[in-house]
């Protein structure tokens, strides 16, 4: 995760709003944490923060469900914004391959060699199912504008592609090997040429349609640690807003032996998926528009909000002790999501070679 997220220090606790499975979640904690740490990097600090005094609670603005319209088909200049922590992650080489696209639109630039093929089913079609060795993760765009999905994962289990284009109402199904550990996120305000080079206003991945490294923050993440194909194995997954948020997102189980804690419309007992009401000082802008919401460390800096020095570690990084608990900005929007590095109640397990659906959008 980004510099503000320390997977190496986290354990997968069993507390949360799902019933049962606590012991299993704890038992898998060390393996998952070490795997995530080796892939994305860990450590006890961020690369850069902006020093600031104790912030006061700011007026809020509700981010639109889509933060940016699709630009013209030409590379965009870099967007200047607030200083953002940079995660230390390994780049992943992508293989040329295909994904199942539903909705009738190509999943990439027309001249790119990394497009997608598949049927022309509607977004309301039957969910495709995986196997013991290959899972299916589907992405659905309920937003009114295009979302460009990106992936970063374990190099020993490479995906066929690491970038997909989702028009409004479109679905793409991606084959993911069992044992894969990684993350997906949506990019907004993107423009790519025929060779797949360009820029995104949020979630940009080194200017490439196919992602070969970490994405820029803020970005809402869908994180997965898929088990190897063996009896009784358990997956772990979560939605993370630890690195800020650029899109509403929720994850559903579409195949598996575990009851889905999130409804098909993105609701849990604590509430439903809705836009982030972002404080003024945390707003991320591009072209004079609010296109995302940064995390407190990026926005305000300092040891407290960045959980450094005397504020470091699970026992000390406690948002309720901060001058203002800004993690609630994200928790109120997506109560099932990670809102800070040690928000372990947001880790979800799934047993039985599970398949998943990631939806970009709010509850309707």
Protein backbone atom coordinates (compact mmCIF):
# COMPACT_ATOMS: atom_id res chain seq x y z
CA UNK A 1 0.00 0.00 0.00
CA UNK A 2 1.06 3.59 -0.01
CA UNK A 3 3.48 5.03 2.51
CA UNK A 4 0.65 5.67 4.93
CA UNK A 5 -0.35 2.02 4.89
CA UNK A 6 1.92 -0.47 6.62
CA UNK A 7 0.84 -3.96 5.69
CA UNK A 8 3.88 -5.42 7.41
CA UNK A 9 2.58 -4.12 10.73
CA UNK A 10 -1.00 -5.21 10.21
CA UNK A 11 -2.63 -8.41 11.30
CA UNK A 12 -5.94 -9.68 10.05
CA UNK A 13 -8.09 -9.48 13.17
CA UNK A 14 -11.35 -11.37 13.35
CA UNK A 15 -13.49 -8.47 14.52
CA UNK A 16 -15.89 -6.96 12.03
CA UNK A 17 -19.47 -7.06 10.84
CA UNK A 18 -19.41 -10.55 9.38
CA UNK A 19 -20.43 -13.47 11.55
CA UNK A 20 -17.92 -16.14 12.48
CA UNK A 21 -14.57 -17.01 10.95
CA UNK A 22 -12.56 -14.95 13.44
CA UNK A 23 -10.06 -17.66 14.23
CA UNK A 24 -9.47 -18.40 10.56
CA UNK A 25 -8.89 -14.72 9.79
CA UNK A 26 -6.33 -14.42 12.58
CA UNK A 27 -4.61 -17.65 11.55
CA UNK A 28 -4.06 -16.33 8.04
CA UNK A 29 -2.83 -12.94 9.19
CA UNK A 30 0.92 -13.49 9.22
CA UNK A 31 1.09 -15.05 5.75
CA UNK A 32 -1.10 -12.40 4.15
CA UNK A 33 0.72 -9.52 5.85
CA UNK A 34 4.16 -10.80 4.86
CA UNK A 35 3.09 -11.45 1.28
CA UNK A 36 1.56 -7.99 0.93
CA UNK A 37 4.62 -6.40 2.55
CA UNK A 38 7.06 -8.06 0.18
CA UNK A 39 4.98 -7.09 -2.84
CA UNK A 40 4.07 -3.50 -2.04
CA UNK A 41 6.73 -2.53 0.52
CA UNK A 42 6.33 -1.60 4.15
CA UNK A 43 7.98 0.67 6.62
CA UNK A 44 7.25 3.15 9.30
CA UNK A 45 7.01 6.37 7.40
CA UNK A 46 5.86 8.24 4.36
CA UNK A 47 8.12 9.62 1.68
CA UNK A 48 6.96 13.18 2.06
CA UNK A 49 4.44 15.13 4.09
CA UNK A 50 3.49 18.76 4.36
CA UNK A 51 3.94 20.20 7.84
CA UNK A 52 0.88 21.92 9.21
CA UNK A 53 -0.66 23.01 12.44
CA UNK A 54 -3.59 21.27 14.05
CA UNK A 55 -6.36 21.54 11.46
CA UNK A 56 -9.85 22.59 12.31
CA UNK A 57 -12.87 20.79 10.97
CA UNK A 58 -13.52 22.15 7.49
CA UNK A 59 -16.72 22.71 5.53
CA UNK A 60 -17.42 19.71 3.34
CA UNK A 61 -18.31 19.25 -0.28
CA UNK A 62 -19.91 16.11 -1.64
CA UNK A 63 -17.82 14.64 -4.43
CA UNK A 64 -19.84 13.78 -7.52
CA UNK A 65 -20.26 10.07 -8.15
CA UNK A 66 -17.95 10.56 -11.14
CA UNK A 67 -15.19 13.05 -10.67
CA UNK A 68 -14.01 13.65 -14.23
CA UNK A 69 -15.32 13.48 -17.75
CA UNK A 70 -13.48 11.59 -20.44
CA UNK A 71 -10.97 13.86 -22.22
CA UNK A 72 -10.10 13.91 -25.90
CA UNK A 73 -7.94 11.15 -27.38
CA UNK A 74 -4.60 12.86 -26.85
CA UNK A 75 -2.09 12.76 -24.02
CA UNK A 76 -2.87 15.22 -21.24
CA UNK A 77 -0.26 17.23 -19.38
CA UNK A 78 0.66 16.22 -15.86
CA UNK A 79 -1.74 17.42 -13.21
CA UNK A 80 -0.23 19.33 -10.36
CA UNK A 81 -1.74 18.70 -6.98
CA UNK A 82 -0.97 18.12 -3.37
CA UNK A 83 2.15 16.21 -2.36
CA UNK A 84 1.32 12.53 -2.19
CA UNK A 85 3.05 9.64 -0.43
CA UNK A 86 4.69 7.29 -2.90
CA UNK A 87 4.47 3.56 -2.16
CA UNK A 88 7.46 1.31 -2.65
CA UNK A 89 6.12 -1.41 -4.86
CA UNK A 90 7.43 -3.83 -7.42
CA UNK A 91 6.54 -3.29 -11.01
CA UNK A 92 4.71 -6.11 -12.72
CA UNK A 93 5.26 -7.02 -16.34
CA UNK A 94 1.97 -7.59 -18.14
CA UNK A 95 1.34 -10.28 -20.71
CA UNK A 96 -0.70 -9.62 -23.81
CA UNK A 97 -4.02 -11.37 -23.48
CA UNK A 98 -7.79 -11.09 -23.43
CA UNK A 99 -10.65 -10.43 -21.07
CA UNK A 100 -14.37 -10.96 -21.39
CA UNK A 101 -16.04 -7.62 -22.18
CA UNK A 102 -19.79 -7.12 -21.92
CA UNK A 103 -21.50 -4.05 -23.28
CA UNK A 104 -20.07 -3.92 -26.79
CA UNK A 105 -17.06 -1.60 -26.42
CA UNK A 106 -13.37 -2.32 -26.73
CA UNK A 107 -11.40 -2.48 -23.50
CA UNK A 108 -8.49 -0.44 -24.81
CA UNK A 109 -7.18 2.02 -27.37
CA UNK A 110 -8.03 0.93 -30.90
CA UNK A 111 -4.41 0.62 -32.01
CA UNK A 112 -3.11 -0.92 -28.81
CA UNK A 113 -1.96 -4.52 -28.83
CA UNK A 114 -3.46 -5.06 -25.39
CA UNK A 115 -7.16 -4.78 -26.08
CA UNK A 116 -9.81 -7.31 -25.14
CA UNK A 117 -12.11 -9.69 -26.90
CA UNK A 118 -15.29 -11.34 -25.80
CA UNK A 119 -19.04 -11.51 -26.09
CA UNK A 120 -21.46 -8.64 -26.46
CA UNK A 121 -23.61 -9.41 -23.45
CA UNK A 122 -25.29 -6.66 -21.47
CA UNK A 123 -24.05 -5.62 -18.04
CA UNK A 124 -27.00 -7.50 -16.61
CA UNK A 125 -25.84 -10.82 -18.07
CA UNK A 126 -25.04 -14.00 -16.19
CA UNK A 127 -21.87 -13.88 -14.07
CA UNK A 128 -19.02 -15.87 -15.54
CA UNK A 129 -17.58 -18.51 -13.19
CA UNK A 130 -13.96 -19.42 -12.60
CA UNK A 131 -12.29 -22.72 -11.73
CA UNK A 132 -10.11 -23.93 -8.86
CA UNK A 133 -7.02 -22.64 -10.66
CA UNK A 134 -8.42 -19.47 -12.21
CA UNK A 135 -10.82 -17.05 -10.55
CA UNK A 136 -13.01 -14.47 -12.24
CA UNK A 137 -13.04 -10.89 -11.01
CA UNK A 138 -15.66 -8.81 -12.81
CA UNK A 139 -15.74 -5.02 -12.91
CA UNK A 140 -18.96 -3.08 -13.39
CA UNK A 141 -19.15 0.64 -14.12
CA UNK A 142 -22.30 2.20 -12.66
CA UNK A 143 -20.85 5.68 -13.08
CA UNK A 144 -22.00 8.07 -15.80
CA UNK A 145 -18.48 8.44 -17.21
CA UNK A 146 -15.70 6.09 -18.32
CA UNK A 147 -13.49 4.36 -15.75
CA UNK A 148 -10.10 2.89 -16.68
CA UNK A 149 -9.32 -0.10 -14.45
CA UNK A 150 -5.68 -0.81 -13.49
CA UNK A 151 -4.01 -3.75 -11.74
CA UNK A 152 -0.81 -4.38 -9.80
CA UNK A 153 -0.05 -7.83 -8.45
CA UNK A 154 2.35 -10.62 -7.66
CA UNK A 155 4.80 -11.21 -10.54
CA UNK A 156 4.77 -14.97 -10.03
CA UNK A 157 1.07 -14.95 -11.00
CA UNK A 158 0.89 -12.40 -13.85
CA UNK A 159 -2.39 -11.30 -15.35
CA UNK A 160 -2.97 -11.35 -19.11
CA UNK A 161 -3.40 -7.55 -19.03
CA UNK A 162 -3.22 -4.80 -16.42
CA UNK A 163 -5.47 -2.14 -17.95
CA UNK A 164 -9.11 -2.13 -19.09
CA UNK A 165 -11.52 0.55 -20.26
CA UNK A 166 -15.06 0.53 -18.86
CA UNK A 167 -17.67 2.71 -20.50
CA UNK A 168 -20.79 3.58 -18.47
CA UNK A 169 -22.87 0.45 -17.87
CA UNK A 170 -20.12 -1.85 -19.11
CA UNK A 171 -18.71 -4.96 -17.45
CA UNK A 172 -15.35 -6.67 -17.98
CA UNK A 173 -14.48 -10.09 -16.55
CA UNK A 174 -10.81 -10.77 -15.79
CA UNK A 175 -9.23 -14.19 -15.24
CA UNK A 176 -7.03 -14.09 -12.12
CA UNK A 177 -4.81 -17.04 -11.11
CA UNK A 178 -5.40 -18.63 -7.71
CA UNK A 179 -2.59 -17.53 -5.40
CA UNK A 180 -2.58 -14.00 -6.85
CA UNK A 181 -2.00 -11.13 -4.41
CA UNK A 182 -2.61 -7.59 -5.57
CA UNK A 183 -4.91 -4.66 -6.09
CA UNK A 184 -7.20 -3.12 -8.67
CA UNK A 185 -8.28 0.49 -8.89
CA UNK A 186 -10.19 2.79 -11.19
CA UNK A 187 -8.61 5.70 -13.03
CA UNK A 188 -10.56 8.79 -14.07
CA UNK A 189 -10.11 11.60 -16.56
CA UNK A 190 -7.85 9.52 -18.79
CA UNK A 191 -6.67 10.17 -22.32
CA UNK A 192 -4.56 7.67 -24.29
CA UNK A 193 -3.24 7.59 -27.83
CA UNK A 194 -3.35 4.55 -30.11
CA UNK A 195 -0.16 3.19 -28.55
CA UNK A 196 -1.65 3.29 -25.05
CA UNK A 197 0.33 6.30 -23.82
CA UNK A 198 -1.34 9.19 -22.04
CA UNK A 199 -2.38 10.45 -18.64
CA UNK A 200 -5.15 10.12 -16.02
CA UNK A 201 -6.29 12.80 -13.59
CA UNK A 202 -6.59 10.24 -10.77
CA UNK A 203 -5.01 6.81 -10.32
CA UNK A 204 -2.50 7.44 -13.12
CA UNK A 205 -0.10 4.56 -13.73
CA UNK A 206 3.06 6.13 -15.17
CA UNK A 207 1.08 7.39 -18.14
CA UNK A 208 0.31 3.93 -19.51
CA UNK A 209 -3.00 2.30 -20.40
CA UNK A 210 -1.43 -1.00 -19.34
CA UNK A 211 -0.19 -0.55 -15.78
CA UNK A 212 3.41 -1.53 -14.98
CA UNK A 213 3.67 -0.11 -11.47
CA UNK A 214 1.85 1.60 -8.66
CA UNK A 215 -0.89 4.13 -9.25
CA UNK A 216 -0.96 7.74 -8.12
CA UNK A 217 -2.98 8.66 -5.07
CA UNK A 218 -5.70 9.39 -4.17
CA UNK A 219 -7.29 6.16 -5.35
CA UNK A 220 -9.87 3.75 -3.97
CA UNK A 221 -8.41 0.23 -3.99
CA UNK A 222 -9.84 -3.28 -4.31
CA UNK A 223 -7.26 -5.55 -2.64
CA UNK A 224 -7.12 -9.34 -2.90
CA UNK A 225 -5.01 -12.15 -1.46
CA UNK A 226 -6.34 -15.21 -3.28
CA UNK A 227 -5.58 -18.61 -1.83
CA UNK A 228 -3.90 -21.44 -3.68
CA UNK A 229 -6.27 -24.16 -4.95
CA UNK A 230 -6.39 -26.48 -1.94
CA UNK A 231 -9.20 -27.70 0.36
CA UNK A 232 -10.21 -25.28 3.10
CA UNK A 233 -8.12 -22.41 1.77
CA UNK A 234 -9.29 -18.88 2.51
CA UNK A 235 -9.14 -15.68 0.46
CA UNK A 236 -8.87 -12.23 2.03
CA UNK A 237 -10.09 -9.08 0.33
CA UNK A 238 -11.04 -5.50 1.13
CA UNK A 239 -11.90 -2.07 -0.20
CA UNK A 240 -9.29 0.47 0.90
CA UNK A 241 -9.54 4.25 1.17
CA UNK A 242 -6.32 4.47 3.19
CA UNK A 243 -4.63 6.20 0.26
CA UNK A 244 -7.62 8.48 -0.25
CA UNK A 245 -10.56 8.06 -2.61
CA UNK A 246 -11.33 8.86 -6.22
CA UNK A 247 -14.31 6.59 -6.92
CA UNK A 248 -17.06 4.88 -4.91
CA UNK A 249 -16.48 1.12 -4.85
CA UNK A 250 -17.83 -2.05 -3.31
CA UNK A 251 -17.03 -5.75 -3.72
CA UNK A 252 -19.42 -8.70 -3.88
CA UNK A 253 -18.77 -12.45 -3.75
CA UNK A 254 -20.25 -14.11 -6.85
CA UNK A 255 -19.05 -17.66 -6.11
CA UNK A 256 -17.86 -19.28 -2.89
CA UNK A 257 -18.87 -20.92 0.37
CA UNK A 258 -18.99 -17.67 2.38
CA UNK A 259 -22.10 -15.55 2.81
CA UNK A 260 -21.55 -12.15 1.21
CA UNK A 261 -21.52 -9.44 3.91
CA UNK A 262 -22.26 -6.73 1.32
CA UNK A 263 -25.57 -6.58 -0.54
CA UNK A 264 -25.68 -6.49 -4.33
CA UNK A 265 -26.47 -2.78 -4.11
CA UNK A 266 -23.47 -2.02 -1.86
CA UNK A 267 -25.02 -1.97 1.61
CA UNK A 268 -24.03 -3.41 5.00
CA UNK A 269 -25.70 -3.10 8.39
CA UNK A 270 -23.80 0.12 9.09
CA UNK A 271 -24.92 1.82 5.90
CA UNK A 272 -24.75 1.94 2.10
CA UNK A 273 -22.22 3.19 -0.44
CA UNK A 274 -22.45 6.94 -1.04
CA UNK A 275 -20.24 9.80 -2.29
CA UNK A 276 -17.45 11.06 -0.04
CA UNK A 277 -18.16 14.37 1.71
CA UNK A 278 -14.59 15.65 1.52
CA UNK A 279 -13.32 18.45 3.80
CA UNK A 280 -11.98 21.42 1.88
CA UNK A 281 -8.35 20.89 2.90
CA UNK A 282 -8.42 17.25 1.75
CA UNK A 283 -9.84 17.90 -1.72
CA UNK A 284 -7.75 16.82 -4.69
CA UNK A 285 -8.32 18.96 -7.76
CA UNK A 286 -7.46 18.83 -11.45
CA UNK A 287 -8.36 21.49 -13.96
CA UNK A 288 -10.13 23.50 -11.27
CA UNK A 289 -12.44 20.59 -10.37
CA UNK A 290 -12.57 18.35 -7.31
CA UNK A 291 -11.68 14.86 -8.57
CA UNK A 292 -10.72 13.06 -5.36
CA UNK A 293 -10.19 13.19 -1.61
CA UNK A 294 -6.70 12.74 -0.13
CA UNK A 295 -5.94 11.03 3.17
CA UNK A 296 -5.21 13.09 6.34
CA UNK A 297 -1.45 12.47 6.16
CA UNK A 298 -1.22 13.87 2.64
CA UNK A 299 -3.49 16.80 3.45
CA UNK A 300 -2.07 17.89 6.80
CA UNK A 301 1.22 16.07 7.37
CA UNK A 302 2.66 15.78 10.87
CA UNK A 303 3.41 12.80 13.08
CA UNK A 304 -0.14 12.41 14.33
CA UNK A 305 -1.98 12.05 11.03
CA UNK A 306 0.90 10.13 9.44
CA UNK A 307 1.20 7.76 12.44
CA UNK A 308 4.94 8.33 12.85
CA UNK A 309 7.34 8.27 15.83
CA UNK A 310 5.32 8.26 19.06
CA UNK A 311 2.14 7.85 16.99
CA UNK A 312 3.45 4.81 15.09
CA UNK A 313 2.06 1.29 15.41
CA UNK A 314 -1.30 -0.23 16.13
CA UNK A 315 -1.41 0.84 19.77
CA UNK A 316 -0.63 4.48 18.99
CA UNK A 317 -2.17 5.09 15.57
CA UNK A 318 -5.69 5.58 16.91
CA UNK A 319 -7.82 8.08 14.97
CA UNK A 320 -10.12 8.74 17.94
CA UNK A 321 -7.10 10.34 19.66
CA UNK A 322 -6.36 12.67 16.76
CA UNK A 323 -7.36 16.35 16.99
CA UNK A 324 -9.97 15.58 14.30
CA UNK A 325 -10.82 12.01 13.29
CA UNK A 326 -10.76 12.45 9.53
CA UNK A 327 -11.04 8.70 8.90
CA UNK A 328 -14.79 9.14 9.42
CA UNK A 329 -14.87 11.06 6.13
CA UNK A 330 -14.30 7.73 4.38
CA UNK A 331 -16.09 5.47 6.87
CA UNK A 332 -19.34 7.37 6.50
CA UNK A 333 -19.17 6.95 2.72
CA UNK A 334 -18.16 3.26 2.70
CA UNK A 335 -18.60 1.70 6.16
CA UNK A 336 -17.12 -1.63 5.00
CA UNK A 337 -13.84 -0.08 3.75
CA UNK A 338 -10.42 0.46 5.28
CA UNK A 339 -10.25 4.08 6.44
CA UNK A 340 -6.74 3.98 7.98
CA UNK A 341 -3.80 1.58 8.18
CA UNK A 342 -5.03 -0.50 11.13
CA UNK A 343 -8.74 -0.59 10.35
CA UNK A 344 -8.68 -4.39 10.38
CA UNK A 345 -12.44 -4.78 10.79
CA UNK A 346 -12.60 -4.10 7.05
CA UNK A 347 -10.75 -7.29 6.04
CA UNK A 348 -13.19 -9.82 4.57
CA UNK A 349 -12.62 -13.59 4.15
CA UNK A 350 -14.03 -15.94 1.53
CA UNK A 351 -13.74 -19.72 1.40
CA UNK A 352 -14.12 -21.99 -1.60
CA UNK A 353 -12.33 -20.76 -4.78
CA UNK A 354 -14.32 -17.54 -4.75
CA UNK A 355 -15.14 -15.22 -7.65
CA UNK A 356 -15.81 -11.51 -7.14
CA UNK A 357 -17.54 -8.50 -8.63
CA UNK A 358 -16.10 -5.00 -8.12
CA UNK A 359 -18.62 -2.22 -8.70
CA UNK A 360 -17.72 1.41 -9.31
CA UNK A 361 -20.72 3.39 -8.12
CA UNK A 362 -22.94 4.29 -5.19
CA UNK A 363 -26.00 2.52 -3.87
CA UNK A 364 -29.07 3.37 -5.95
